[in-house]
């Protein structure tokens, strides 16, 4: 039997992230819930217990050092990655999970209730149509389009204080060329995730030149 708890504990230590026993158990409970729902609806293609810890939990937690301490929006959240692991690891942070597909937001809502994650808000909407009363300062995304597309989809939310944190595999040379003319501040960080042998990169984009955005009226 795969010792998911042991893999998670050693992986968290390797990443240099401090989590309580309760937080680690919550992460495993989330993984169990994800696996249960995955039998009925397609939330993830990863089903191997060992790979689930590495590719879903540890991969999501690896983004933590690159996010500023601010309310966070996770777009195209799907099964809740990386948003739910972030919310568990940082309960003081407000996290909005946004997805346009109803069956996925139903799972996200169930996860919020089952795990009692009061810092999470679940929203069903296309990102282009979402009009919050206040723009999130940090926007995360995982396996969701090119950098150019992500910037275009979130244009109405971006302010000079905003940051986009995109999780990528190989170094995104072509995607960076596509946004070069926008003259943004871009930091690219290779990350070593325990249990994952392929390349992983965190792309942090800031320095947006927006002077206004189109949000809803509070």
N, C-alpha and C. Protein backbone atom coordinates (compact mmCIF):
# COMPACT_ATOMS: atom_id res chain seq x y z
N UNK A 1 0.85 -1.20 0.00
CA UNK A 1 0.00 0.00 0.00
C UNK A 1 0.88 1.25 0.00
N UNK A 2 0.53 2.20 -0.85
CA UNK A 2 1.31 3.43 -0.95
C UNK A 2 1.09 4.30 0.29
N UNK A 3 2.17 4.75 0.90
CA UNK A 3 2.10 5.61 2.07
C UNK A 3 2.03 7.07 1.61
N UNK A 4 0.83 7.52 1.28
CA UNK A 4 0.67 8.89 0.80
C UNK A 4 1.09 9.91 1.85
N UNK A 5 0.80 9.62 3.12
CA UNK A 5 1.16 10.55 4.19
C UNK A 5 2.67 10.72 4.27
N UNK A 6 3.40 9.61 4.15
CA UNK A 6 4.85 9.68 4.21
C UNK A 6 5.43 10.43 3.02
N UNK A 7 4.87 10.19 1.84
CA UNK A 7 5.34 10.89 0.63
C UNK A 7 5.08 12.39 0.76
N UNK A 8 3.91 12.74 1.27
CA UNK A 8 3.57 14.15 1.45
C UNK A 8 4.49 14.81 2.48
N UNK A 9 4.68 14.15 3.60
CA UNK A 9 5.53 14.73 4.66
C UNK A 9 6.94 14.99 4.17
N UNK A 10 7.54 14.01 3.49
CA UNK A 10 8.92 14.18 3.01
C UNK A 10 8.96 15.21 1.89
N UNK A 11 7.93 15.25 1.05
CA UNK A 11 7.89 16.22 -0.03
C UNK A 11 7.76 17.64 0.46
N UNK A 12 6.91 17.85 1.45
CA UNK A 12 6.74 19.18 2.04
C UNK A 12 8.05 19.65 2.67
N UNK A 13 8.74 18.74 3.35
CA UNK A 13 10.03 19.08 3.96
C UNK A 13 11.05 19.46 2.89
N UNK A 14 11.06 18.72 1.77
CA UNK A 14 12.00 19.00 0.68
C UNK A 14 11.72 20.36 0.05
N UNK A 15 10.46 20.76 0.02
CA UNK A 15 10.09 22.06 -0.54
C UNK A 15 10.37 23.20 0.43
N UNK A 16 10.66 22.88 1.69
CA UNK A 16 10.92 23.90 2.69
C UNK A 16 9.66 24.61 3.15
N UNK A 17 8.53 23.91 3.10
CA UNK A 17 7.25 24.49 3.50
C UNK A 17 6.83 23.91 4.84
N UNK A 18 6.40 24.76 5.74
CA UNK A 18 5.97 24.31 7.06
C UNK A 18 4.46 24.13 7.09
N UNK A 19 4.02 22.91 7.33
CA UNK A 19 2.60 22.61 7.46
C UNK A 19 2.39 21.79 8.72
N UNK A 20 1.30 22.06 9.41
CA UNK A 20 0.97 21.29 10.60
C UNK A 20 0.48 19.90 10.20
N UNK A 21 0.42 19.00 11.17
CA UNK A 21 -0.14 17.67 10.90
C UNK A 21 -1.59 17.78 10.41
N UNK A 22 -2.32 18.73 10.98
CA UNK A 22 -3.71 18.92 10.58
C UNK A 22 -3.80 19.37 9.12
N UNK A 23 -2.93 20.28 8.72
CA UNK A 23 -2.93 20.75 7.33
C UNK A 23 -2.57 19.63 6.37
N UNK A 24 -1.61 18.81 6.75
CA UNK A 24 -1.23 17.70 5.88
C UNK A 24 -2.37 16.69 5.77
N UNK A 25 -3.08 16.48 6.86
CA UNK A 25 -4.22 15.56 6.81
C UNK A 25 -5.33 16.13 5.92
N UNK A 26 -5.55 17.44 6.00
CA UNK A 26 -6.54 18.08 5.15
C UNK A 26 -6.19 17.91 3.67
N UNK A 27 -4.91 18.01 3.34
CA UNK A 27 -4.47 17.81 1.96
C UNK A 27 -4.77 16.39 1.50
N UNK A 28 -4.52 15.42 2.36
CA UNK A 28 -4.81 14.02 2.02
C UNK A 28 -6.31 13.77 1.93
N UNK A 29 -7.08 14.42 2.80
CA UNK A 29 -8.54 14.30 2.73
C UNK A 29 -9.06 14.89 1.42
N UNK A 30 -8.48 16.00 1.01
CA UNK A 30 -8.85 16.60 -0.28
C UNK A 30 -8.53 15.65 -1.42
N UNK A 31 -7.37 15.03 -1.37
CA UNK A 31 -6.97 14.09 -2.42
C UNK A 31 -7.94 12.91 -2.48
N UNK A 32 -8.36 12.42 -1.33
CA UNK A 32 -9.32 11.32 -1.27
C UNK A 32 -10.66 11.73 -1.87
N UNK A 33 -11.10 12.95 -1.57
CA UNK A 33 -12.36 13.44 -2.11
C UNK A 33 -12.27 13.63 -3.62
N UNK A 34 -11.14 14.14 -4.08
CA UNK A 34 -10.91 14.32 -5.51
C UNK A 34 -10.97 12.98 -6.23
N UNK A 35 -10.33 11.98 -5.65
CA UNK A 35 -10.32 10.65 -6.25
C UNK A 35 -11.72 10.03 -6.29
N UNK A 36 -12.49 10.26 -5.22
CA UNK A 36 -13.85 9.73 -5.15
C UNK A 36 -14.73 10.35 -6.24
N UNK A 37 -14.68 11.67 -6.36
CA UNK A 37 -15.51 12.36 -7.35
C UNK A 37 -15.02 12.06 -8.77
N UNK A 38 -13.74 11.76 -8.91
CA UNK A 38 -13.18 11.52 -10.23
C UNK A 38 -13.75 10.26 -10.88
N UNK A 39 -14.31 9.38 -10.06
CA UNK A 39 -14.93 8.17 -10.61
C UNK A 39 -16.22 8.49 -11.36
N UNK A 40 -16.84 9.60 -10.99
CA UNK A 40 -18.11 9.97 -11.61
C UNK A 40 -17.95 11.07 -12.66
N UNK A 41 -17.08 12.03 -12.40
CA UNK A 41 -16.84 13.11 -13.36
C UNK A 41 -15.34 13.25 -13.57
N UNK A 42 -14.97 13.67 -14.75
CA UNK A 42 -13.55 13.74 -15.12
C UNK A 42 -12.91 15.02 -14.57
N UNK A 43 -12.28 14.90 -13.41
CA UNK A 43 -11.60 16.03 -12.81
C UNK A 43 -10.09 15.99 -13.03
N UNK A 44 -9.53 14.79 -13.15
CA UNK A 44 -8.10 14.63 -13.34
C UNK A 44 -7.81 13.30 -14.02
N UNK A 45 -6.76 13.28 -14.83
CA UNK A 45 -6.35 12.03 -15.48
C UNK A 45 -5.38 11.24 -14.62
N UNK A 46 -4.96 11.83 -13.51
CA UNK A 46 -3.97 11.19 -12.64
C UNK A 46 -4.70 10.35 -11.59
N UNK A 47 -4.41 9.06 -11.57
CA UNK A 47 -5.10 8.16 -10.65
C UNK A 47 -4.15 7.34 -9.78
N UNK A 48 -2.89 7.31 -10.12
CA UNK A 48 -1.91 6.58 -9.33
C UNK A 48 -1.69 7.30 -8.00
N UNK A 49 -1.83 6.63 -6.86
CA UNK A 49 -1.75 7.29 -5.55
C UNK A 49 -0.44 8.05 -5.32
N UNK A 50 0.68 7.48 -5.73
CA UNK A 50 1.96 8.15 -5.53
C UNK A 50 2.05 9.40 -6.41
N UNK A 51 1.61 9.27 -7.66
CA UNK A 51 1.66 10.41 -8.57
C UNK A 51 0.70 11.51 -8.13
N UNK A 52 -0.42 11.13 -7.53
CA UNK A 52 -1.38 12.14 -7.08
C UNK A 52 -0.77 13.06 -6.04
N UNK A 53 0.02 12.52 -5.14
CA UNK A 53 0.66 13.36 -4.12
C UNK A 53 1.64 14.32 -4.78
N UNK A 54 2.47 13.80 -5.69
CA UNK A 54 3.50 14.63 -6.33
C UNK A 54 2.90 15.62 -7.32
N UNK A 55 2.10 15.12 -8.25
CA UNK A 55 1.63 15.95 -9.36
C UNK A 55 0.49 16.87 -8.99
N UNK A 56 -0.22 16.57 -7.89
CA UNK A 56 -1.35 17.41 -7.52
C UNK A 56 -1.06 18.23 -6.27
N UNK A 57 -0.59 17.59 -5.22
CA UNK A 57 -0.35 18.33 -3.97
C UNK A 57 0.98 19.07 -3.98
N UNK A 58 2.07 18.35 -4.14
CA UNK A 58 3.39 18.98 -4.05
C UNK A 58 3.60 19.99 -5.17
N UNK A 59 3.13 19.66 -6.37
CA UNK A 59 3.26 20.60 -7.49
C UNK A 59 2.53 21.90 -7.19
N UNK A 60 1.35 21.80 -6.58
CA UNK A 60 0.59 23.01 -6.22
C UNK A 60 1.27 23.79 -5.11
N UNK A 61 1.78 23.09 -4.12
CA UNK A 61 2.43 23.77 -2.98
C UNK A 61 3.73 24.46 -3.40
N UNK A 62 4.35 23.99 -4.47
CA UNK A 62 5.62 24.58 -4.92
C UNK A 62 5.46 26.02 -5.37
N UNK A 63 4.23 26.45 -5.63
CA UNK A 63 3.99 27.81 -6.09
C UNK A 63 3.94 28.81 -4.93
N UNK A 64 3.82 28.35 -3.71
CA UNK A 64 3.61 29.23 -2.56
C UNK A 64 4.66 30.34 -2.40
N UNK A 65 5.95 30.06 -2.55
CA UNK A 65 6.93 31.13 -2.33
C UNK A 65 6.86 32.28 -3.34
N UNK A 66 6.11 32.09 -4.42
CA UNK A 66 6.09 33.08 -5.49
C UNK A 66 4.82 33.93 -5.50
N UNK A 67 3.97 33.77 -4.49
CA UNK A 67 2.71 34.51 -4.42
C UNK A 67 2.80 35.55 -3.32
N UNK A 68 2.44 36.79 -3.64
CA UNK A 68 2.43 37.81 -2.61
C UNK A 68 1.27 37.57 -1.65
N UNK A 69 1.38 38.14 -0.46
CA UNK A 69 0.35 37.94 0.56
C UNK A 69 -0.86 38.80 0.24
N UNK A 70 -1.77 38.27 -0.54
CA UNK A 70 -2.94 39.03 -0.97
C UNK A 70 -4.05 38.07 -1.34
N UNK A 71 -5.30 38.57 -1.45
CA UNK A 71 -6.38 37.72 -1.95
C UNK A 71 -6.01 37.12 -3.31
N UNK A 72 -6.40 35.88 -3.51
CA UNK A 72 -5.96 35.15 -4.69
C UNK A 72 -7.14 34.64 -5.49
N UNK A 73 -7.02 34.70 -6.81
CA UNK A 73 -7.98 34.12 -7.73
C UNK A 73 -7.31 33.00 -8.50
N UNK A 74 -7.91 31.80 -8.44
CA UNK A 74 -7.40 30.65 -9.19
C UNK A 74 -8.35 30.43 -10.36
N UNK A 75 -7.88 30.73 -11.59
CA UNK A 75 -8.76 30.65 -12.75
C UNK A 75 -8.66 29.28 -13.42
N UNK A 76 -9.79 28.84 -13.96
CA UNK A 76 -9.83 27.49 -14.54
C UNK A 76 -9.49 26.45 -13.50
N UNK A 77 -10.06 26.62 -12.31
CA UNK A 77 -9.62 25.84 -11.16
C UNK A 77 -9.87 24.35 -11.30
N UNK A 78 -10.90 23.96 -12.07
CA UNK A 78 -11.13 22.53 -12.34
C UNK A 78 -11.36 21.74 -11.07
N UNK A 79 -10.42 20.85 -10.75
CA UNK A 79 -10.51 20.06 -9.54
C UNK A 79 -9.95 20.76 -8.31
N UNK A 80 -9.59 22.04 -8.47
CA UNK A 80 -9.13 22.82 -7.31
C UNK A 80 -7.63 22.96 -7.20
N UNK A 81 -6.93 22.82 -8.32
CA UNK A 81 -5.47 22.89 -8.31
C UNK A 81 -4.98 24.11 -9.09
N UNK A 82 -4.15 24.93 -8.47
CA UNK A 82 -3.53 24.80 -7.16
C UNK A 82 -4.30 25.45 -6.02
N UNK A 83 -5.52 25.95 -6.29
CA UNK A 83 -6.21 26.79 -5.32
C UNK A 83 -6.48 26.16 -3.97
N UNK A 84 -6.98 24.90 -3.96
CA UNK A 84 -7.32 24.28 -2.68
C UNK A 84 -6.08 23.99 -1.84
N UNK A 85 -5.01 23.40 -2.38
CA UNK A 85 -3.80 23.24 -1.57
C UNK A 85 -3.26 24.57 -1.04
N UNK A 86 -3.34 25.64 -1.84
CA UNK A 86 -2.90 26.95 -1.36
C UNK A 86 -3.77 27.39 -0.18
N UNK A 87 -5.09 27.22 -0.31
CA UNK A 87 -6.00 27.64 0.76
C UNK A 87 -5.77 26.84 2.04
N UNK A 88 -5.45 25.57 1.90
CA UNK A 88 -5.16 24.75 3.08
C UNK A 88 -3.85 25.18 3.73
N UNK A 89 -2.85 25.44 2.91
CA UNK A 89 -1.53 25.81 3.43
C UNK A 89 -1.52 27.21 4.03
N UNK A 90 -2.40 28.09 3.53
CA UNK A 90 -2.43 29.48 4.00
C UNK A 90 -3.87 29.86 4.34
N UNK A 91 -4.37 29.40 5.48
CA UNK A 91 -5.78 29.64 5.83
C UNK A 91 -6.11 31.11 6.04
N UNK A 92 -5.08 31.96 6.20
CA UNK A 92 -5.32 33.39 6.37
C UNK A 92 -5.59 34.09 5.04
N UNK A 93 -5.36 33.41 3.94
CA UNK A 93 -5.52 34.00 2.61
C UNK A 93 -6.92 33.70 2.05
N UNK A 94 -7.58 34.73 1.50
CA UNK A 94 -8.85 34.53 0.81
C UNK A 94 -8.56 34.01 -0.59
N UNK A 95 -9.19 32.89 -0.96
CA UNK A 95 -8.95 32.25 -2.24
C UNK A 95 -10.28 32.08 -2.98
N UNK A 96 -10.36 32.60 -4.19
CA UNK A 96 -11.53 32.40 -5.04
C UNK A 96 -11.19 31.35 -6.10
N UNK A 97 -12.00 30.32 -6.18
CA UNK A 97 -11.84 29.27 -7.19
C UNK A 97 -12.87 29.52 -8.28
N UNK A 98 -12.40 29.76 -9.50
CA UNK A 98 -13.30 30.11 -10.59
C UNK A 98 -13.20 29.10 -11.71
N UNK A 99 -14.37 28.60 -12.13
CA UNK A 99 -14.41 27.69 -13.27
C UNK A 99 -15.77 27.86 -13.95
N UNK A 100 -15.81 27.64 -15.26
CA UNK A 100 -17.04 27.86 -16.01
C UNK A 100 -17.92 26.62 -16.08
N UNK A 101 -17.42 25.46 -15.63
CA UNK A 101 -18.13 24.20 -15.79
C UNK A 101 -18.82 23.82 -14.47
N UNK A 102 -20.13 23.64 -14.54
CA UNK A 102 -20.93 23.43 -13.35
C UNK A 102 -20.54 22.21 -12.53
N UNK A 103 -20.25 21.08 -13.19
CA UNK A 103 -19.92 19.88 -12.43
C UNK A 103 -18.62 20.06 -11.66
N UNK A 104 -17.72 20.89 -12.18
CA UNK A 104 -16.47 21.14 -11.47
C UNK A 104 -16.68 22.08 -10.29
N UNK A 105 -17.51 23.11 -10.47
CA UNK A 105 -17.77 24.00 -9.34
C UNK A 105 -18.59 23.30 -8.26
N UNK A 106 -19.40 22.30 -8.65
CA UNK A 106 -20.11 21.53 -7.63
C UNK A 106 -19.13 20.74 -6.78
N UNK A 107 -18.11 20.17 -7.42
CA UNK A 107 -17.09 19.48 -6.65
C UNK A 107 -16.34 20.46 -5.74
N UNK A 108 -15.98 21.61 -6.28
CA UNK A 108 -15.24 22.60 -5.48
C UNK A 108 -16.05 23.04 -4.27
N UNK A 109 -17.35 23.22 -4.46
CA UNK A 109 -18.22 23.60 -3.35
C UNK A 109 -18.27 22.49 -2.30
N UNK A 110 -18.37 21.23 -2.77
CA UNK A 110 -18.39 20.11 -1.83
C UNK A 110 -17.08 20.01 -1.06
N UNK A 111 -15.97 20.25 -1.75
CA UNK A 111 -14.67 20.22 -1.08
C UNK A 111 -14.58 21.31 -0.02
N UNK A 112 -15.04 22.50 -0.34
CA UNK A 112 -15.04 23.61 0.62
C UNK A 112 -15.83 23.24 1.87
N UNK A 113 -17.02 22.64 1.68
CA UNK A 113 -17.88 22.29 2.81
C UNK A 113 -17.31 21.12 3.60
N UNK A 114 -16.88 20.07 2.89
CA UNK A 114 -16.38 18.86 3.56
C UNK A 114 -15.13 19.15 4.37
N UNK A 115 -14.23 19.95 3.80
CA UNK A 115 -12.95 20.24 4.47
C UNK A 115 -13.04 21.47 5.36
N UNK A 116 -14.21 22.13 5.36
CA UNK A 116 -14.46 23.33 6.19
C UNK A 116 -13.41 24.42 5.90
N UNK A 117 -13.28 24.73 4.64
CA UNK A 117 -12.32 25.75 4.20
C UNK A 117 -13.05 27.08 4.05
N UNK A 118 -13.15 27.81 5.15
CA UNK A 118 -13.93 29.04 5.16
C UNK A 118 -13.28 30.17 4.37
N UNK A 119 -12.01 30.03 4.03
CA UNK A 119 -11.33 31.08 3.27
C UNK A 119 -11.50 30.93 1.77
N UNK A 120 -12.31 29.96 1.34
CA UNK A 120 -12.53 29.71 -0.09
C UNK A 120 -13.90 30.23 -0.52
N UNK A 121 -13.93 30.86 -1.70
CA UNK A 121 -15.16 31.21 -2.39
C UNK A 121 -15.16 30.52 -3.74
N UNK A 122 -16.25 29.85 -4.08
CA UNK A 122 -16.37 29.14 -5.35
C UNK A 122 -17.29 29.93 -6.27
N UNK A 123 -16.85 30.16 -7.51
CA UNK A 123 -17.64 30.93 -8.47
C UNK A 123 -17.67 30.21 -9.82
N UNK A 124 -18.87 30.07 -10.37
CA UNK A 124 -19.00 29.50 -11.72
C UNK A 124 -19.17 30.65 -12.71
N UNK A 125 -18.17 30.83 -13.55
CA UNK A 125 -18.21 31.89 -14.55
C UNK A 125 -17.05 31.74 -15.51
N UNK A 126 -17.20 32.24 -16.71
CA UNK A 126 -16.05 32.41 -17.58
C UNK A 126 -15.25 33.58 -17.06
N UNK A 127 -13.95 33.48 -17.11
CA UNK A 127 -13.11 34.53 -16.54
C UNK A 127 -13.39 35.89 -17.19
N UNK A 128 -13.65 35.88 -18.51
CA UNK A 128 -13.88 37.14 -19.21
C UNK A 128 -15.15 37.85 -18.72
N UNK A 129 -16.10 37.06 -18.21
CA UNK A 129 -17.39 37.62 -17.78
C UNK A 129 -17.44 37.94 -16.29
N UNK A 130 -16.42 37.54 -15.54
CA UNK A 130 -16.46 37.70 -14.08
C UNK A 130 -16.15 39.14 -13.72
N UNK A 131 -17.04 39.74 -12.95
CA UNK A 131 -16.88 41.14 -12.55
C UNK A 131 -16.99 41.25 -11.03
N UNK A 132 -15.89 41.05 -10.31
CA UNK A 132 -15.94 41.17 -8.84
C UNK A 132 -15.98 42.64 -8.42
N UNK A 133 -16.34 42.87 -7.19
CA UNK A 133 -16.36 44.25 -6.68
C UNK A 133 -14.95 44.77 -6.44
N UNK A 134 -14.01 43.85 -6.24
CA UNK A 134 -12.61 44.24 -6.02
C UNK A 134 -11.70 43.27 -6.77
N UNK A 135 -10.73 43.81 -7.48
CA UNK A 135 -9.84 42.96 -8.27
C UNK A 135 -8.90 42.17 -7.37
N UNK A 136 -8.70 40.89 -7.66
CA UNK A 136 -7.71 40.10 -6.90
C UNK A 136 -6.31 40.55 -7.30
N UNK A 137 -5.39 40.59 -6.34
CA UNK A 137 -4.03 41.02 -6.65
C UNK A 137 -3.19 39.89 -7.22
N UNK A 138 -3.50 38.66 -6.82
CA UNK A 138 -2.75 37.50 -7.31
C UNK A 138 -3.69 36.58 -8.09
N UNK A 139 -3.25 36.17 -9.27
CA UNK A 139 -4.04 35.28 -10.13
C UNK A 139 -3.19 34.08 -10.48
N UNK A 140 -3.65 32.89 -10.11
CA UNK A 140 -2.91 31.67 -10.44
C UNK A 140 -3.64 30.88 -11.51
N UNK A 141 -2.86 30.09 -12.24
CA UNK A 141 -3.46 29.20 -13.23
C UNK A 141 -2.50 28.04 -13.49
N UNK A 142 -3.07 26.92 -13.79
CA UNK A 142 -2.30 25.69 -14.00
C UNK A 142 -2.85 24.98 -15.23
N UNK A 143 -1.98 24.78 -16.21
CA UNK A 143 -2.38 24.08 -17.45
C UNK A 143 -3.59 24.75 -18.08
N UNK A 144 -3.49 26.07 -18.28
CA UNK A 144 -4.62 26.83 -18.79
C UNK A 144 -4.16 27.83 -19.85
N UNK A 145 -4.03 27.39 -21.08
CA UNK A 145 -3.73 28.31 -22.17
C UNK A 145 -2.34 28.89 -22.14
N UNK A 146 -2.06 29.74 -23.13
CA UNK A 146 -0.75 30.38 -23.25
C UNK A 146 -0.72 31.63 -22.38
N UNK A 147 0.45 32.16 -22.16
CA UNK A 147 0.58 33.39 -21.37
C UNK A 147 -0.19 34.53 -22.03
N UNK A 148 -0.14 34.62 -23.35
CA UNK A 148 -0.88 35.67 -24.06
C UNK A 148 -2.37 35.53 -23.81
N UNK A 149 -2.88 34.31 -23.87
CA UNK A 149 -4.30 34.09 -23.64
C UNK A 149 -4.69 34.44 -22.20
N UNK A 150 -3.87 34.04 -21.25
CA UNK A 150 -4.17 34.31 -19.84
C UNK A 150 -4.26 35.80 -19.58
N UNK A 151 -3.32 36.57 -20.14
CA UNK A 151 -3.34 38.03 -19.97
C UNK A 151 -4.59 38.61 -20.62
N UNK A 152 -4.94 38.11 -21.80
CA UNK A 152 -6.13 38.62 -22.50
C UNK A 152 -7.39 38.33 -21.70
N UNK A 153 -7.52 37.11 -21.17
CA UNK A 153 -8.71 36.72 -20.43
C UNK A 153 -8.89 37.54 -19.15
N UNK A 154 -7.79 37.93 -18.53
CA UNK A 154 -7.85 38.62 -17.24
C UNK A 154 -7.65 40.12 -17.36
N UNK A 155 -7.63 40.65 -18.57
CA UNK A 155 -7.29 42.06 -18.81
C UNK A 155 -8.13 43.00 -17.96
N UNK A 156 -9.42 42.70 -17.82
CA UNK A 156 -10.32 43.59 -17.09
C UNK A 156 -10.07 43.57 -15.58
N UNK A 157 -9.28 42.63 -15.10
CA UNK A 157 -8.99 42.52 -13.66
C UNK A 157 -7.64 43.12 -13.28
N UNK A 158 -6.80 43.38 -14.28
CA UNK A 158 -5.41 43.73 -14.01
C UNK A 158 -5.24 45.20 -13.64
N UNK A 159 -4.41 45.43 -12.64
CA UNK A 159 -4.02 46.77 -12.20
C UNK A 159 -2.50 46.79 -12.10
N UNK A 160 -1.90 47.95 -11.89
CA UNK A 160 -0.44 47.98 -11.73
C UNK A 160 0.07 47.15 -10.56
N UNK A 161 -0.82 46.80 -9.61
CA UNK A 161 -0.41 46.00 -8.46
C UNK A 161 -0.64 44.50 -8.68
N UNK A 162 -1.23 44.14 -9.79
CA UNK A 162 -1.58 42.74 -10.04
C UNK A 162 -0.37 41.89 -10.37
N UNK A 163 -0.51 40.58 -10.14
CA UNK A 163 0.48 39.62 -10.59
C UNK A 163 -0.24 38.38 -11.08
N UNK A 164 0.28 37.79 -12.14
CA UNK A 164 -0.18 36.50 -12.64
C UNK A 164 0.91 35.48 -12.36
N UNK A 165 0.54 34.36 -11.75
CA UNK A 165 1.49 33.29 -11.48
C UNK A 165 1.03 32.07 -12.27
N UNK A 166 1.72 31.79 -13.36
CA UNK A 166 1.35 30.70 -14.25
C UNK A 166 2.28 29.52 -14.04
N UNK A 167 1.69 28.34 -13.86
CA UNK A 167 2.47 27.12 -13.66
C UNK A 167 2.67 26.45 -15.01
N UNK A 168 3.94 26.26 -15.38
CA UNK A 168 4.28 25.72 -16.68
C UNK A 168 5.21 24.52 -16.53
N UNK A 169 5.30 23.74 -17.59
CA UNK A 169 6.23 22.61 -17.62
C UNK A 169 7.58 23.07 -18.14
N UNK A 170 7.84 22.86 -19.42
CA UNK A 170 9.10 23.29 -20.01
C UNK A 170 9.16 24.81 -20.09
N UNK A 171 10.37 25.33 -20.21
CA UNK A 171 10.57 26.77 -20.32
C UNK A 171 9.77 27.28 -21.52
N UNK A 172 8.87 28.26 -21.33
CA UNK A 172 7.93 28.66 -22.38
C UNK A 172 8.49 29.70 -23.36
N UNK A 173 9.50 29.33 -24.11
CA UNK A 173 10.17 30.27 -25.01
C UNK A 173 9.17 30.96 -25.94
N UNK A 174 8.37 30.16 -26.65
CA UNK A 174 7.45 30.73 -27.65
C UNK A 174 6.40 31.62 -27.00
N UNK A 175 5.88 31.20 -25.86
CA UNK A 175 4.86 32.01 -25.18
C UNK A 175 5.42 33.34 -24.74
N UNK A 176 6.67 33.36 -24.32
CA UNK A 176 7.30 34.61 -23.90
C UNK A 176 7.50 35.55 -25.09
N UNK A 177 7.83 34.98 -26.24
CA UNK A 177 7.98 35.80 -27.45
C UNK A 177 6.65 36.47 -27.81
N UNK A 178 5.55 35.77 -27.59
CA UNK A 178 4.23 36.29 -27.95
C UNK A 178 3.82 37.51 -27.13
N UNK A 179 4.39 37.66 -25.93
CA UNK A 179 4.01 38.80 -25.08
C UNK A 179 5.17 39.79 -24.90
N UNK A 180 6.23 39.62 -25.68
CA UNK A 180 7.42 40.47 -25.51
C UNK A 180 7.10 41.94 -25.73
N UNK A 181 6.19 42.23 -26.68
CA UNK A 181 5.90 43.63 -27.02
C UNK A 181 5.11 44.34 -25.92
N UNK A 182 4.62 43.60 -24.93
CA UNK A 182 3.85 44.22 -23.86
C UNK A 182 4.75 44.82 -22.77
N UNK A 183 6.03 44.50 -22.82
CA UNK A 183 7.03 45.08 -21.91
C UNK A 183 6.62 44.94 -20.43
N UNK A 184 6.31 43.73 -20.07
CA UNK A 184 5.91 43.43 -18.70
C UNK A 184 7.11 42.96 -17.89
N UNK A 185 6.97 42.98 -16.57
CA UNK A 185 8.01 42.43 -15.69
C UNK A 185 7.75 40.94 -15.55
N UNK A 186 8.69 40.13 -16.00
CA UNK A 186 8.50 38.67 -16.01
C UNK A 186 9.65 37.99 -15.30
N UNK A 187 9.33 37.21 -14.30
CA UNK A 187 10.31 36.39 -13.60
C UNK A 187 9.98 34.93 -13.83
N UNK A 188 10.98 34.15 -14.20
CA UNK A 188 10.76 32.73 -14.47
C UNK A 188 11.64 31.91 -13.53
N UNK A 189 11.01 31.02 -12.80
CA UNK A 189 11.71 30.26 -11.78
C UNK A 189 11.58 28.76 -12.06
N UNK A 190 12.67 28.07 -12.32
CA UNK A 190 12.60 26.61 -12.38
C UNK A 190 12.38 26.07 -10.97
N UNK A 191 11.53 25.09 -10.84
CA UNK A 191 11.26 24.51 -9.52
C UNK A 191 11.46 23.00 -9.58
N UNK A 192 12.04 22.49 -8.53
CA UNK A 192 12.23 21.03 -8.39
C UNK A 192 11.15 20.52 -7.45
N UNK A 193 10.23 19.75 -7.99
CA UNK A 193 9.14 19.20 -7.20
C UNK A 193 9.44 17.74 -6.89
N UNK A 194 9.50 17.36 -5.62
CA UNK A 194 9.77 15.96 -5.26
C UNK A 194 8.80 14.99 -5.95
N UNK A 195 9.36 13.97 -6.58
CA UNK A 195 8.53 12.97 -7.24
C UNK A 195 8.20 13.29 -8.68
N UNK A 196 8.64 14.46 -9.17
CA UNK A 196 8.38 14.86 -10.56
C UNK A 196 9.72 15.03 -11.26
N UNK A 197 9.96 14.26 -12.30
CA UNK A 197 11.25 14.29 -12.98
C UNK A 197 11.30 15.26 -14.15
N UNK A 198 10.12 15.65 -14.67
CA UNK A 198 10.09 16.56 -15.81
C UNK A 198 10.27 18.00 -15.35
N UNK A 199 10.54 18.89 -16.29
CA UNK A 199 10.75 20.31 -15.98
C UNK A 199 9.47 20.94 -15.44
N UNK A 200 9.65 21.83 -14.48
CA UNK A 200 8.55 22.64 -13.97
C UNK A 200 9.06 24.07 -13.83
N UNK A 201 8.27 25.03 -14.27
CA UNK A 201 8.62 26.44 -14.16
C UNK A 201 7.43 27.23 -13.64
N UNK A 202 7.73 28.22 -12.81
CA UNK A 202 6.74 29.19 -12.35
C UNK A 202 7.03 30.50 -13.07
N UNK A 203 6.03 31.00 -13.79
CA UNK A 203 6.18 32.28 -14.50
C UNK A 203 5.37 33.33 -13.75
N UNK A 204 6.06 34.33 -13.25
CA UNK A 204 5.39 35.41 -12.50
C UNK A 204 5.43 36.68 -13.35
N UNK A 205 4.25 37.20 -13.65
CA UNK A 205 4.12 38.36 -14.53
C UNK A 205 3.50 39.52 -13.74
N UNK A 206 4.13 40.66 -13.80
CA UNK A 206 3.61 41.86 -13.15
C UNK A 206 3.97 43.07 -14.02
N UNK A 207 3.81 44.26 -13.46
CA UNK A 207 4.15 45.47 -14.22
C UNK A 207 3.12 45.82 -15.27
N UNK A 208 1.85 45.49 -15.01
CA UNK A 208 0.80 45.82 -15.97
C UNK A 208 0.57 47.33 -15.98
N UNK A 209 0.22 47.84 -17.13
CA UNK A 209 0.13 49.29 -17.32
C UNK A 209 -1.30 49.79 -17.31
N UNK A 210 -2.22 48.97 -16.81
CA UNK A 210 -3.62 49.35 -16.82
C UNK A 210 -3.84 50.54 -15.89
N UNK A 211 -4.66 51.49 -16.31
CA UNK A 211 -5.00 52.64 -15.48
C UNK A 211 -6.41 52.52 -14.91
N UNK A 212 -7.19 51.55 -15.43
CA UNK A 212 -8.54 51.32 -14.92
C UNK A 212 -8.93 49.90 -15.26
N UNK A 213 -9.96 49.41 -14.64
CA UNK A 213 -10.51 48.12 -15.01
C UNK A 213 -12.03 48.16 -14.94
N UNK A 214 -12.64 47.15 -15.46
CA UNK A 214 -14.10 47.12 -15.59
C UNK A 214 -14.69 46.15 -14.57
N UNK A 215 -14.81 46.60 -13.34
CA UNK A 215 -15.33 45.76 -12.29
C UNK A 215 -16.76 46.16 -11.97
N UNK A 216 -17.42 45.37 -11.16
CA UNK A 216 -18.78 45.68 -10.78
C UNK A 216 -18.79 46.78 -9.72
N UNK A 217 -19.93 47.39 -9.57
CA UNK A 217 -20.07 48.41 -8.54
C UNK A 217 -20.43 47.75 -7.22
N UNK A 218 -19.64 48.01 -6.15
CA UNK A 218 -19.94 47.37 -4.85
C UNK A 218 -21.35 47.69 -4.40
